[in-house]
PDB file of all heavy atoms in Angstrom:
ATOM      1  N   LEU A   1     -17.266  -4.023 -17.751  1.00  0.00           N
ATOM      2  CA  LEU A   1     -16.971  -3.349 -16.488  1.00  0.00           C
ATOM      3  C   LEU A   1     -16.901  -4.325 -15.324  1.00  0.00           C
ATOM      4  O   LEU A   1     -15.971  -4.277 -14.507  1.00  0.00           O
ATOM      5  CB  LEU A   1     -18.019  -2.265 -16.209  1.00  0.00           C
ATOM      6  CG  LEU A   1     -17.811  -1.455 -14.920  1.00  0.00           C
ATOM      7  CD1 LEU A   1     -16.499  -0.675 -14.989  1.00  0.00           C
ATOM      8  CD2 LEU A   1     -18.978  -0.499 -14.691  1.00  0.00           C
ATOM      9  N   ARG A   2     -17.856  -5.233 -15.251  1.00  0.00           N
ATOM     10  CA  ARG A   2     -17.883  -6.186 -14.140  1.00  0.00           C
ATOM     11  C   ARG A   2     -16.677  -7.111 -14.179  1.00  0.00           C
ATOM     12  O   ARG A   2     -16.037  -7.373 -13.160  1.00  0.00           O
ATOM     13  CB  ARG A   2     -19.174  -7.004 -14.199  1.00  0.00           C
ATOM     14  CG  ARG A   2     -19.366  -7.922 -13.008  1.00  0.00           C
ATOM     15  CD  ARG A   2     -20.748  -8.536 -13.002  1.00  0.00           C
ATOM     16  NE  ARG A   2     -20.953  -9.385 -11.848  1.00  0.00           N
ATOM     17  CZ  ARG A   2     -22.094 -10.006 -11.565  1.00  0.00           C
ATOM     18  NH1 ARG A   2     -23.147  -9.836 -12.367  1.00  0.00           N
ATOM     19  NH2 ARG A   2     -22.203 -10.753 -10.500  1.00  0.00           N
ATOM     20  N   GLY A   3     -16.353  -7.611 -15.367  1.00  0.00           N
ATOM     21  CA  GLY A   3     -15.221  -8.515 -15.506  1.00  0.00           C
ATOM     22  C   GLY A   3     -13.899  -7.852 -15.186  1.00  0.00           C
ATOM     23  O   GLY A   3     -12.973  -8.502 -14.691  1.00  0.00           O
ATOM     24  N   SER A   4     -13.807  -6.545 -15.447  1.00  0.00           N
ATOM     25  CA  SER A   4     -12.548  -5.839 -15.188  1.00  0.00           C
ATOM     26  C   SER A   4     -12.276  -5.673 -13.698  1.00  0.00           C
ATOM     27  O   SER A   4     -11.154  -5.375 -13.297  1.00  0.00           O
ATOM     28  CB  SER A   4     -12.559  -4.463 -15.870  1.00  0.00           C
ATOM     29  OG  SER A   4     -13.528  -3.616 -15.288  1.00  0.00           O
ATOM     30  N   TYR A   5     -13.300  -5.867 -12.865  1.00  0.00           N
ATOM     31  CA  TYR A   5     -13.119  -5.769 -11.411  1.00  0.00           C
ATOM     32  C   TYR A   5     -13.088  -7.146 -10.742  1.00  0.00           C
ATOM     33  O   TYR A   5     -13.222  -7.240  -9.521  1.00  0.00           O
ATOM     34  CB  TYR A   5     -14.205  -4.896 -10.787  1.00  0.00           C
ATOM     35  CG  TYR A   5     -13.863  -3.424 -10.880  1.00  0.00           C
ATOM     36  CD1 TYR A   5     -14.295  -2.653 -11.956  1.00  0.00           C
ATOM     37  CD2 TYR A   5     -13.072  -2.809  -9.925  1.00  0.00           C
ATOM     38  CE1 TYR A   5     -13.955  -1.310 -12.067  1.00  0.00           C
ATOM     39  CE2 TYR A   5     -12.730  -1.465 -10.016  1.00  0.00           C
ATOM     40  CZ  TYR A   5     -13.177  -0.732 -11.093  1.00  0.00           C
ATOM     41  OH  TYR A   5     -12.830   0.607 -11.197  1.00  0.00           O
ATOM     42  N   THR A   6     -12.861  -8.178 -11.533  1.00  0.00           N
ATOM     43  CA  THR A   6     -12.698  -9.516 -10.967  1.00  0.00           C
ATOM     44  C   THR A   6     -11.477  -9.533 -10.038  1.00  0.00           C
ATOM     45  O   THR A   6     -10.410  -9.055 -10.399  1.00  0.00           O
ATOM     46  CB  THR A   6     -12.496 -10.549 -12.093  1.00  0.00           C
ATOM     47  OG1 THR A   6     -13.630 -10.537 -12.950  1.00  0.00           O
ATOM     48  CG2 THR A   6     -12.303 -11.951 -11.513  1.00  0.00           C
ATOM     49  N   GLY A   7     -11.653 -10.057  -8.841  1.00  0.00           N
ATOM     50  CA  GLY A   7     -10.546 -10.146  -7.893  1.00  0.00           C
ATOM     51  C   GLY A   7     -10.264  -8.873  -7.121  1.00  0.00           C
ATOM     52  O   GLY A   7      -9.217  -8.757  -6.480  1.00  0.00           O
ATOM     53  N   ILE A   8     -11.204  -7.922  -7.125  1.00  0.00           N
ATOM     54  CA  ILE A   8     -10.959  -6.637  -6.465  1.00  0.00           C
ATOM     55  C   ILE A   8     -10.811  -6.804  -4.947  1.00  0.00           C
ATOM     56  O   ILE A   8     -10.044  -6.069  -4.310  1.00  0.00           O
ATOM     57  CB  ILE A   8     -12.082  -5.620  -6.790  1.00  0.00           C
ATOM     58  CG1 ILE A   8     -11.765  -4.231  -6.218  1.00  0.00           C
ATOM     59  CG2 ILE A   8     -13.425  -6.119  -6.307  1.00  0.00           C
ATOM     60  CD1 ILE A   8     -10.535  -3.572  -6.768  1.00  0.00           C
ATOM     61  N   GLY A   9     -11.509  -7.788  -4.360  1.00  0.00           N
ATOM     62  CA  GLY A   9     -11.412  -7.988  -2.916  1.00  0.00           C
ATOM     63  C   GLY A   9      -9.996  -8.324  -2.478  1.00  0.00           C
ATOM     64  O   GLY A   9      -9.447  -7.710  -1.555  1.00  0.00           O
ATOM     65  N   ALA A  10      -9.382  -9.285  -3.170  1.00  0.00           N
ATOM     66  CA  ALA A  10      -8.013  -9.676  -2.845  1.00  0.00           C
ATOM     67  C   ALA A  10      -7.046  -8.530  -3.095  1.00  0.00           C
ATOM     68  O   ALA A  10      -6.095  -8.314  -2.338  1.00  0.00           O
ATOM     69  CB  ALA A  10      -7.604 -10.887  -3.680  1.00  0.00           C
ATOM     70  N   ARG A  11      -7.299  -7.764  -4.163  1.00  0.00           N
ATOM     71  CA  ARG A  11      -6.382  -6.662  -4.498  1.00  0.00           C
ATOM     72  C   ARG A  11      -6.505  -5.520  -3.492  1.00  0.00           C
ATOM     73  O   ARG A  11      -5.514  -4.862  -3.163  1.00  0.00           O
ATOM     74  CB  ARG A  11      -6.650  -6.165  -5.916  1.00  0.00           C
ATOM     75  CG  ARG A  11      -5.538  -5.270  -6.437  1.00  0.00           C
ATOM     76  CD  ARG A  11      -5.454  -5.274  -7.944  1.00  0.00           C
ATOM     77  NE  ARG A  11      -4.288  -4.517  -8.363  1.00  0.00           N
ATOM     78  CZ  ARG A  11      -4.305  -3.218  -8.634  1.00  0.00           C
ATOM     79  NH1 ARG A  11      -5.442  -2.545  -8.565  1.00  0.00           N
ATOM     80  NH2 ARG A  11      -3.208  -2.589  -8.995  1.00  0.00           N
ATOM     81  N   LEU A  12      -7.708  -5.252  -3.004  1.00  0.00           N
ATOM     82  CA  LEU A  12      -7.879  -4.228  -1.969  1.00  0.00           C
ATOM     83  C   LEU A  12      -7.072  -4.599  -0.728  1.00  0.00           C
ATOM     84  O   LEU A  12      -6.404  -3.748  -0.135  1.00  0.00           O
ATOM     85  CB  LEU A  12      -9.362  -4.063  -1.604  1.00  0.00           C
ATOM     86  CG  LEU A  12     -10.226  -3.248  -2.556  1.00  0.00           C
ATOM     87  CD1 LEU A  12     -11.695  -3.384  -2.176  1.00  0.00           C
ATOM     88  CD2 LEU A  12      -9.815  -1.774  -2.552  1.00  0.00           C
ATOM     89  N   PHE A  13      -7.164  -5.862  -0.347  1.00  0.00           N
ATOM     90  CA  PHE A  13      -6.417  -6.324   0.830  1.00  0.00           C
ATOM     91  C   PHE A  13      -4.912  -6.190   0.605  1.00  0.00           C
ATOM     92  O   PHE A  13      -4.186  -5.644   1.436  1.00  0.00           O
ATOM     93  CB  PHE A  13      -6.778  -7.785   1.129  1.00  0.00           C
ATOM     94  CG  PHE A  13      -5.956  -8.403   2.227  1.00  0.00           C
ATOM     95  CD1 PHE A  13      -6.259  -8.156   3.558  1.00  0.00           C
ATOM     96  CD2 PHE A  13      -4.872  -9.222   1.928  1.00  0.00           C
ATOM     97  CE1 PHE A  13      -5.485  -8.707   4.578  1.00  0.00           C
ATOM     98  CE2 PHE A  13      -4.102  -9.784   2.936  1.00  0.00           C
ATOM     99  CZ  PHE A  13      -4.413  -9.522   4.262  1.00  0.00           C
ATOM    100  N   MET A  14      -4.447  -6.673  -0.555  1.00  0.00           N
ATOM    101  CA  MET A  14      -3.012  -6.677  -0.836  1.00  0.00           C
ATOM    102  C   MET A  14      -2.468  -5.254  -0.976  1.00  0.00           C
ATOM    103  O   MET A  14      -1.484  -4.883  -0.333  1.00  0.00           O
ATOM    104  CB  MET A  14      -2.725  -7.457  -2.117  1.00  0.00           C
ATOM    105  CG  MET A  14      -1.249  -7.538  -2.466  1.00  0.00           C
ATOM    106  SD  MET A  14      -0.927  -8.328  -4.062  1.00  0.00           S
ATOM    107  CE  MET A  14      -1.455  -7.022  -5.183  1.00  0.00           C
ATOM    108  N   VAL A  15      -3.104  -4.450  -1.825  1.00  0.00           N
ATOM    109  CA  VAL A  15      -2.612  -3.093  -2.096  1.00  0.00           C
ATOM    110  C   VAL A  15      -2.773  -2.192  -0.872  1.00  0.00           C
ATOM    111  O   VAL A  15      -1.893  -1.382  -0.560  1.00  0.00           O
ATOM    112  CB  VAL A  15      -3.326  -2.488  -3.322  1.00  0.00           C
ATOM    113  CG1 VAL A  15      -2.916  -1.026  -3.524  1.00  0.00           C
ATOM    114  CG2 VAL A  15      -2.992  -3.292  -4.569  1.00  0.00           C
ATOM    115  N   GLY A  16      -3.890  -2.340  -0.167  1.00  0.00           N
ATOM    116  CA  GLY A  16      -4.122  -1.514   1.015  1.00  0.00           C
ATOM    117  C   GLY A  16      -3.068  -1.722   2.083  1.00  0.00           C
ATOM    118  O   GLY A  16      -2.472  -0.765   2.587  1.00  0.00           O
ATOM    119  N   THR A  17      -2.802  -2.987   2.415  1.00  0.00           N
ATOM    120  CA  THR A  17      -1.810  -3.267   3.461  1.00  0.00           C
ATOM    121  C   THR A  17      -0.398  -2.914   2.991  1.00  0.00           C
ATOM    122  O   THR A  17       0.389  -2.346   3.744  1.00  0.00           O
ATOM    123  CB  THR A  17      -1.857  -4.747   3.880  1.00  0.00           C
ATOM    124  OG1 THR A  17      -1.755  -5.586   2.718  1.00  0.00           O
ATOM    125  CG2 THR A  17      -3.156  -5.077   4.593  1.00  0.00           C
ATOM    126  N   LEU A  18      -0.089  -3.239   1.732  1.00  0.00           N
ATOM    127  CA  LEU A  18       1.232  -2.935   1.191  1.00  0.00           C
ATOM    128  C   LEU A  18       1.503  -1.433   1.211  1.00  0.00           C
ATOM    129  O   LEU A  18       2.568  -0.978   1.647  1.00  0.00           O
ATOM    130  CB  LEU A  18       1.346  -3.465  -0.242  1.00  0.00           C
ATOM    131  CG  LEU A  18       2.649  -3.139  -0.982  1.00  0.00           C
ATOM    132  CD1 LEU A  18       3.830  -3.810  -0.314  1.00  0.00           C
ATOM    133  CD2 LEU A  18       2.541  -3.566  -2.445  1.00  0.00           C
ATOM    134  N   THR A  19       0.523  -0.652   0.766  1.00  0.00           N
ATOM    135  CA  THR A  19       0.697   0.803   0.708  1.00  0.00           C
ATOM    136  C   THR A  19       0.803   1.410   2.102  1.00  0.00           C
ATOM    137  O   THR A  19       1.589   2.341   2.323  1.00  0.00           O
ATOM    138  CB  THR A  19      -0.477   1.451  -0.063  1.00  0.00           C
ATOM    139  OG1 THR A  19      -0.569   0.845  -1.356  1.00  0.00           O
ATOM    140  CG2 THR A  19      -0.267   2.948  -0.238  1.00  0.00           C
ATOM    141  N   ALA A  20       0.030   0.880   3.047  1.00  0.00           N
ATOM    142  CA  ALA A  20       0.108   1.368   4.427  1.00  0.00           C
ATOM    143  C   ALA A  20       1.530   1.198   4.971  1.00  0.00           C
ATOM    144  O   ALA A  20       2.112   2.133   5.540  1.00  0.00           O
ATOM    145  CB  ALA A  20      -0.890   0.614   5.303  1.00  0.00           C
ATOM    146  N   PHE A  21       2.102   0.011   4.770  1.00  0.00           N
ATOM    147  CA  PHE A  21       3.456  -0.233   5.265  1.00  0.00           C
ATOM    148  C   PHE A  21       4.502   0.550   4.482  1.00  0.00           C
ATOM    149  O   PHE A  21       5.508   0.988   5.044  1.00  0.00           O
ATOM    150  CB  PHE A  21       3.761  -1.729   5.248  1.00  0.00           C
ATOM    151  CG  PHE A  21       3.093  -2.490   6.364  1.00  0.00           C
ATOM    152  CD1 PHE A  21       2.079  -3.396   6.108  1.00  0.00           C
ATOM    153  CD2 PHE A  21       3.476  -2.273   7.686  1.00  0.00           C
ATOM    154  CE1 PHE A  21       1.455  -4.072   7.136  1.00  0.00           C
ATOM    155  CE2 PHE A  21       2.854  -2.948   8.728  1.00  0.00           C
ATOM    156  CZ  PHE A  21       1.843  -3.859   8.459  1.00  0.00           C
ATOM    157  N   GLN A  22       4.268   0.742   3.185  1.00  0.00           N
ATOM    158  CA  GLN A  22       5.198   1.544   2.378  1.00  0.00           C
ATOM    159  C   GLN A  22       5.332   2.952   2.944  1.00  0.00           C
ATOM    160  O   GLN A  22       6.445   3.456   3.135  1.00  0.00           O
ATOM    161  CB  GLN A  22       4.715   1.636   0.927  1.00  0.00           C
ATOM    162  CG  GLN A  22       5.058   0.445   0.069  1.00  0.00           C
ATOM    163  CD  GLN A  22       4.573   0.634  -1.358  1.00  0.00           C
ATOM    164  OE1 GLN A  22       3.612   1.341  -1.621  1.00  0.00           O
ATOM    165  NE2 GLN A  22       5.234  -0.014  -2.298  1.00  0.00           N
ATOM    166  N   PHE A  23       4.206   3.587   3.215  1.00  0.00           N
ATOM    167  CA  PHE A  23       4.251   4.961   3.708  1.00  0.00           C
ATOM    168  C   PHE A  23       4.758   5.037   5.148  1.00  0.00           C
ATOM    169  O   PHE A  23       5.412   6.006   5.526  1.00  0.00           O
ATOM    170  CB  PHE A  23       2.882   5.635   3.574  1.00  0.00           C
ATOM    171  CG  PHE A  23       2.614   6.149   2.186  1.00  0.00           C
ATOM    172  CD1 PHE A  23       1.666   5.562   1.377  1.00  0.00           C
ATOM    173  CD2 PHE A  23       3.329   7.234   1.688  1.00  0.00           C
ATOM    174  CE1 PHE A  23       1.423   6.038   0.087  1.00  0.00           C
ATOM    175  CE2 PHE A  23       3.097   7.724   0.411  1.00  0.00           C
ATOM    176  CZ  PHE A  23       2.141   7.121  -0.400  1.00  0.00           C
ATOM    177  N   ALA A  24       4.464   4.017   5.939  1.00  0.00           N
ATOM    178  CA  ALA A  24       5.000   3.991   7.300  1.00  0.00           C
ATOM    179  C   ALA A  24       6.520   3.880   7.275  1.00  0.00           C
ATOM    180  O   ALA A  24       7.230   4.612   7.981  1.00  0.00           O
ATOM    181  CB  ALA A  24       4.387   2.828   8.081  1.00  0.00           C
ATOM    182  N   ILE A  25       7.034   2.961   6.453  1.00  0.00           N
ATOM    183  CA  ILE A  25       8.492   2.784   6.331  1.00  0.00           C
ATOM    184  C   ILE A  25       9.122   4.033   5.735  1.00  0.00           C
ATOM    185  O   ILE A  25      10.187   4.487   6.176  1.00  0.00           O
ATOM    186  CB  ILE A  25       8.807   1.543   5.468  1.00  0.00           C
ATOM    187  CG1 ILE A  25       8.361   0.270   6.201  1.00  0.00           C
ATOM    188  CG2 ILE A  25      10.295   1.476   5.134  1.00  0.00           C
ATOM    189  CD1 ILE A  25       8.371  -0.977   5.339  1.00  0.00           C
ATOM    190  N   TYR A  26       8.471   4.602   4.730  1.00  0.00           N
ATOM    191  CA  TYR A  26       8.982   5.800   4.058  1.00  0.00           C
ATOM    192  C   TYR A  26       9.114   6.954   5.057  1.00  0.00           C
ATOM    193  O   TYR A  26      10.144   7.641   5.105  1.00  0.00           O
ATOM    194  CB  TYR A  26       8.035   6.170   2.929  1.00  0.00           C
ATOM    195  CG  TYR A  26       8.494   7.310   2.053  1.00  0.00           C
ATOM    196  CD1 TYR A  26       9.737   7.298   1.433  1.00  0.00           C
ATOM    197  CD2 TYR A  26       7.651   8.397   1.812  1.00  0.00           C
ATOM    198  CE1 TYR A  26      10.139   8.335   0.606  1.00  0.00           C
ATOM    199  CE2 TYR A  26       8.045   9.430   0.979  1.00  0.00           C
ATOM    200  CZ  TYR A  26       9.292   9.391   0.381  1.00  0.00           C
ATOM    201  OH  TYR A  26       9.688  10.419  -0.438  1.00  0.00           O
ATOM    202  N   GLY A  27       8.082   7.143   5.880  1.00  0.00           N
ATOM    203  CA  GLY A  27       8.126   8.206   6.876  1.00  0.00           C
ATOM    204  C   GLY A  27       9.209   7.968   7.913  1.00  0.00           C
ATOM    205  O   GLY A  27       9.952   8.892   8.270  1.00  0.00           O
ATOM    206  N   ASP A  28       9.333   6.730   8.379  1.00  0.00           N
ATOM    207  CA  ASP A  28      10.348   6.403   9.386  1.00  0.00           C
ATOM    208  C   ASP A  28      11.759   6.506   8.803  1.00  0.00           C
ATOM    209  O   ASP A  28      12.697   6.929   9.496  1.00  0.00           O
ATOM    210  CB  ASP A  28      10.117   4.994   9.928  1.00  0.00           C
ATOM    211  CG  ASP A  28       8.905   4.925  10.851  1.00  0.00           C
ATOM    212  OD1 ASP A  28       8.410   5.993  11.261  1.00  0.00           O
ATOM    213  OD2 ASP A  28       8.447   3.798  11.156  1.00  0.00           O
ATOM    214  N   LEU A  29      11.900   6.127   7.532  1.00  0.00           N
ATOM    215  CA  LEU A  29      13.207   6.211   6.882  1.00  0.00           C
ATOM    216  C   LEU A  29      13.651   7.663   6.739  1.00  0.00           C
ATOM    217  O   LEU A  29      14.818   8.001   6.973  1.00  0.00           O
ATOM    218  CB  LEU A  29      13.147   5.539   5.505  1.00  0.00           C
ATOM    219  CG  LEU A  29      14.469   5.406   4.737  1.00  0.00           C
ATOM    220  CD1 LEU A  29      15.466   4.565   5.536  1.00  0.00           C
ATOM    221  CD2 LEU A  29      14.232   4.791   3.367  1.00  0.00           C
ATOM    222  N   LYS A  30      12.726   8.529   6.399  1.00  0.00           N
ATOM    223  CA  LYS A  30      13.064   9.951   6.274  1.00  0.00           C
ATOM    224  C   LYS A  30      13.478  10.528   7.629  1.00  0.00           C
ATOM    225  O   LYS A  30      14.408  11.330   7.705  1.00  0.00           O
ATOM    226  CB  LYS A  30      11.880  10.732   5.696  1.00  0.00           C
ATOM    227  CG  LYS A  30      11.657  10.494   4.212  1.00  0.00           C
ATOM    228  CD  LYS A  30      10.740  11.532   3.580  1.00  0.00           C
ATOM    229  CE  LYS A  30       9.335  11.451   4.114  1.00  0.00           C
ATOM    230  NZ  LYS A  30       8.440  12.390   3.411  1.00  0.00           N
ATOM    231  N   LYS A  31      12.803  10.084   8.684  1.00  0.00           N
ATOM    232  CA  LYS A  31      13.184  10.554  10.025  1.00  0.00           C
ATOM    233  C   LYS A  31      14.576  10.053  10.395  1.00  0.00           C
ATOM    234  O   LYS A  31      15.391  10.792  10.952  1.00  0.00           O
ATOM    235  CB  LYS A  31      12.152  10.076  11.058  1.00  0.00           C
ATOM    236  CG  LYS A  31      10.883  10.918  11.100  1.00  0.00           C
ATOM    237  CD  LYS A  31       9.945  10.494  12.198  1.00  0.00           C
ATOM    238  CE  LYS A  31       9.229   9.224  11.876  1.00  0.00           C
ATOM    239  NZ  LYS A  31       8.178   8.866  12.870  1.00  0.00           N
ATOM    240  N   ALA A  32      14.856   8.791  10.065  1.00  0.00           N
ATOM    241  CA  ALA A  32      16.155   8.199  10.393  1.00  0.00           C
ATOM    242  C   ALA A  32      17.294   8.897   9.642  1.00  0.00           C
ATOM    243  O   ALA A  32      18.406   9.018  10.154  1.00  0.00           O
ATOM    244  CB  ALA A  32      16.150   6.711  10.060  1.00  0.00           C
ATOM    245  N   LEU A  33      16.992   9.372   8.432  1.00  0.00           N
ATOM    246  CA  LEU A  33      18.006  10.040   7.612  1.00  0.00           C
ATOM    247  C   LEU A  33      18.053  11.550   7.840  1.00  0.00           C
ATOM    248  O   LEU A  33      18.827  12.256   7.202  1.00  0.00           O
ATOM    249  CB  LEU A  33      17.748   9.760   6.124  1.00  0.00           C
ATOM    250  CG  LEU A  33      17.882   8.292   5.682  1.00  0.00           C
ATOM    251  CD1 LEU A  33      17.447   8.135   4.231  1.00  0.00           C
ATOM    252  CD2 LEU A  33      19.321   7.811   5.865  1.00  0.00           C
ATOM    253  N   GLY A  34      17.200  12.019   8.755  1.00  0.00           N
ATOM    254  CA  GLY A  34      17.166  13.447   9.034  1.00  0.00           C
ATOM    255  C   GLY A  34      16.500  14.257   7.953  1.00  0.00           C
ATOM    256  O   GLY A  34      16.725  15.471   7.825  1.00  0.00           O
ATOM    257  N   ALA A  35      15.644  13.592   7.153  1.00  0.00           N
ATOM    258  CA  ALA A  35      14.935  14.292   6.066  1.00  0.00           C
ATOM    259  C   ALA A  35      13.456  14.377   6.389  1.00  0.00           C
ATOM    260  O   ALA A  35      12.604  14.213   5.527  1.00  0.00           O
ATOM    261  CB  ALA A  35      15.143  13.551   4.750  1.00  0.00           C
TER     262      ALA A  35
END
């Protein structure tokens, strides 16, 4: 269990920021397309 979470700090940073921008862009894109 412990070994399977090796590198979780870096992944939280990467996935958290990436997902935040994904949903922000997704929401803005839907508005731009009238959806």
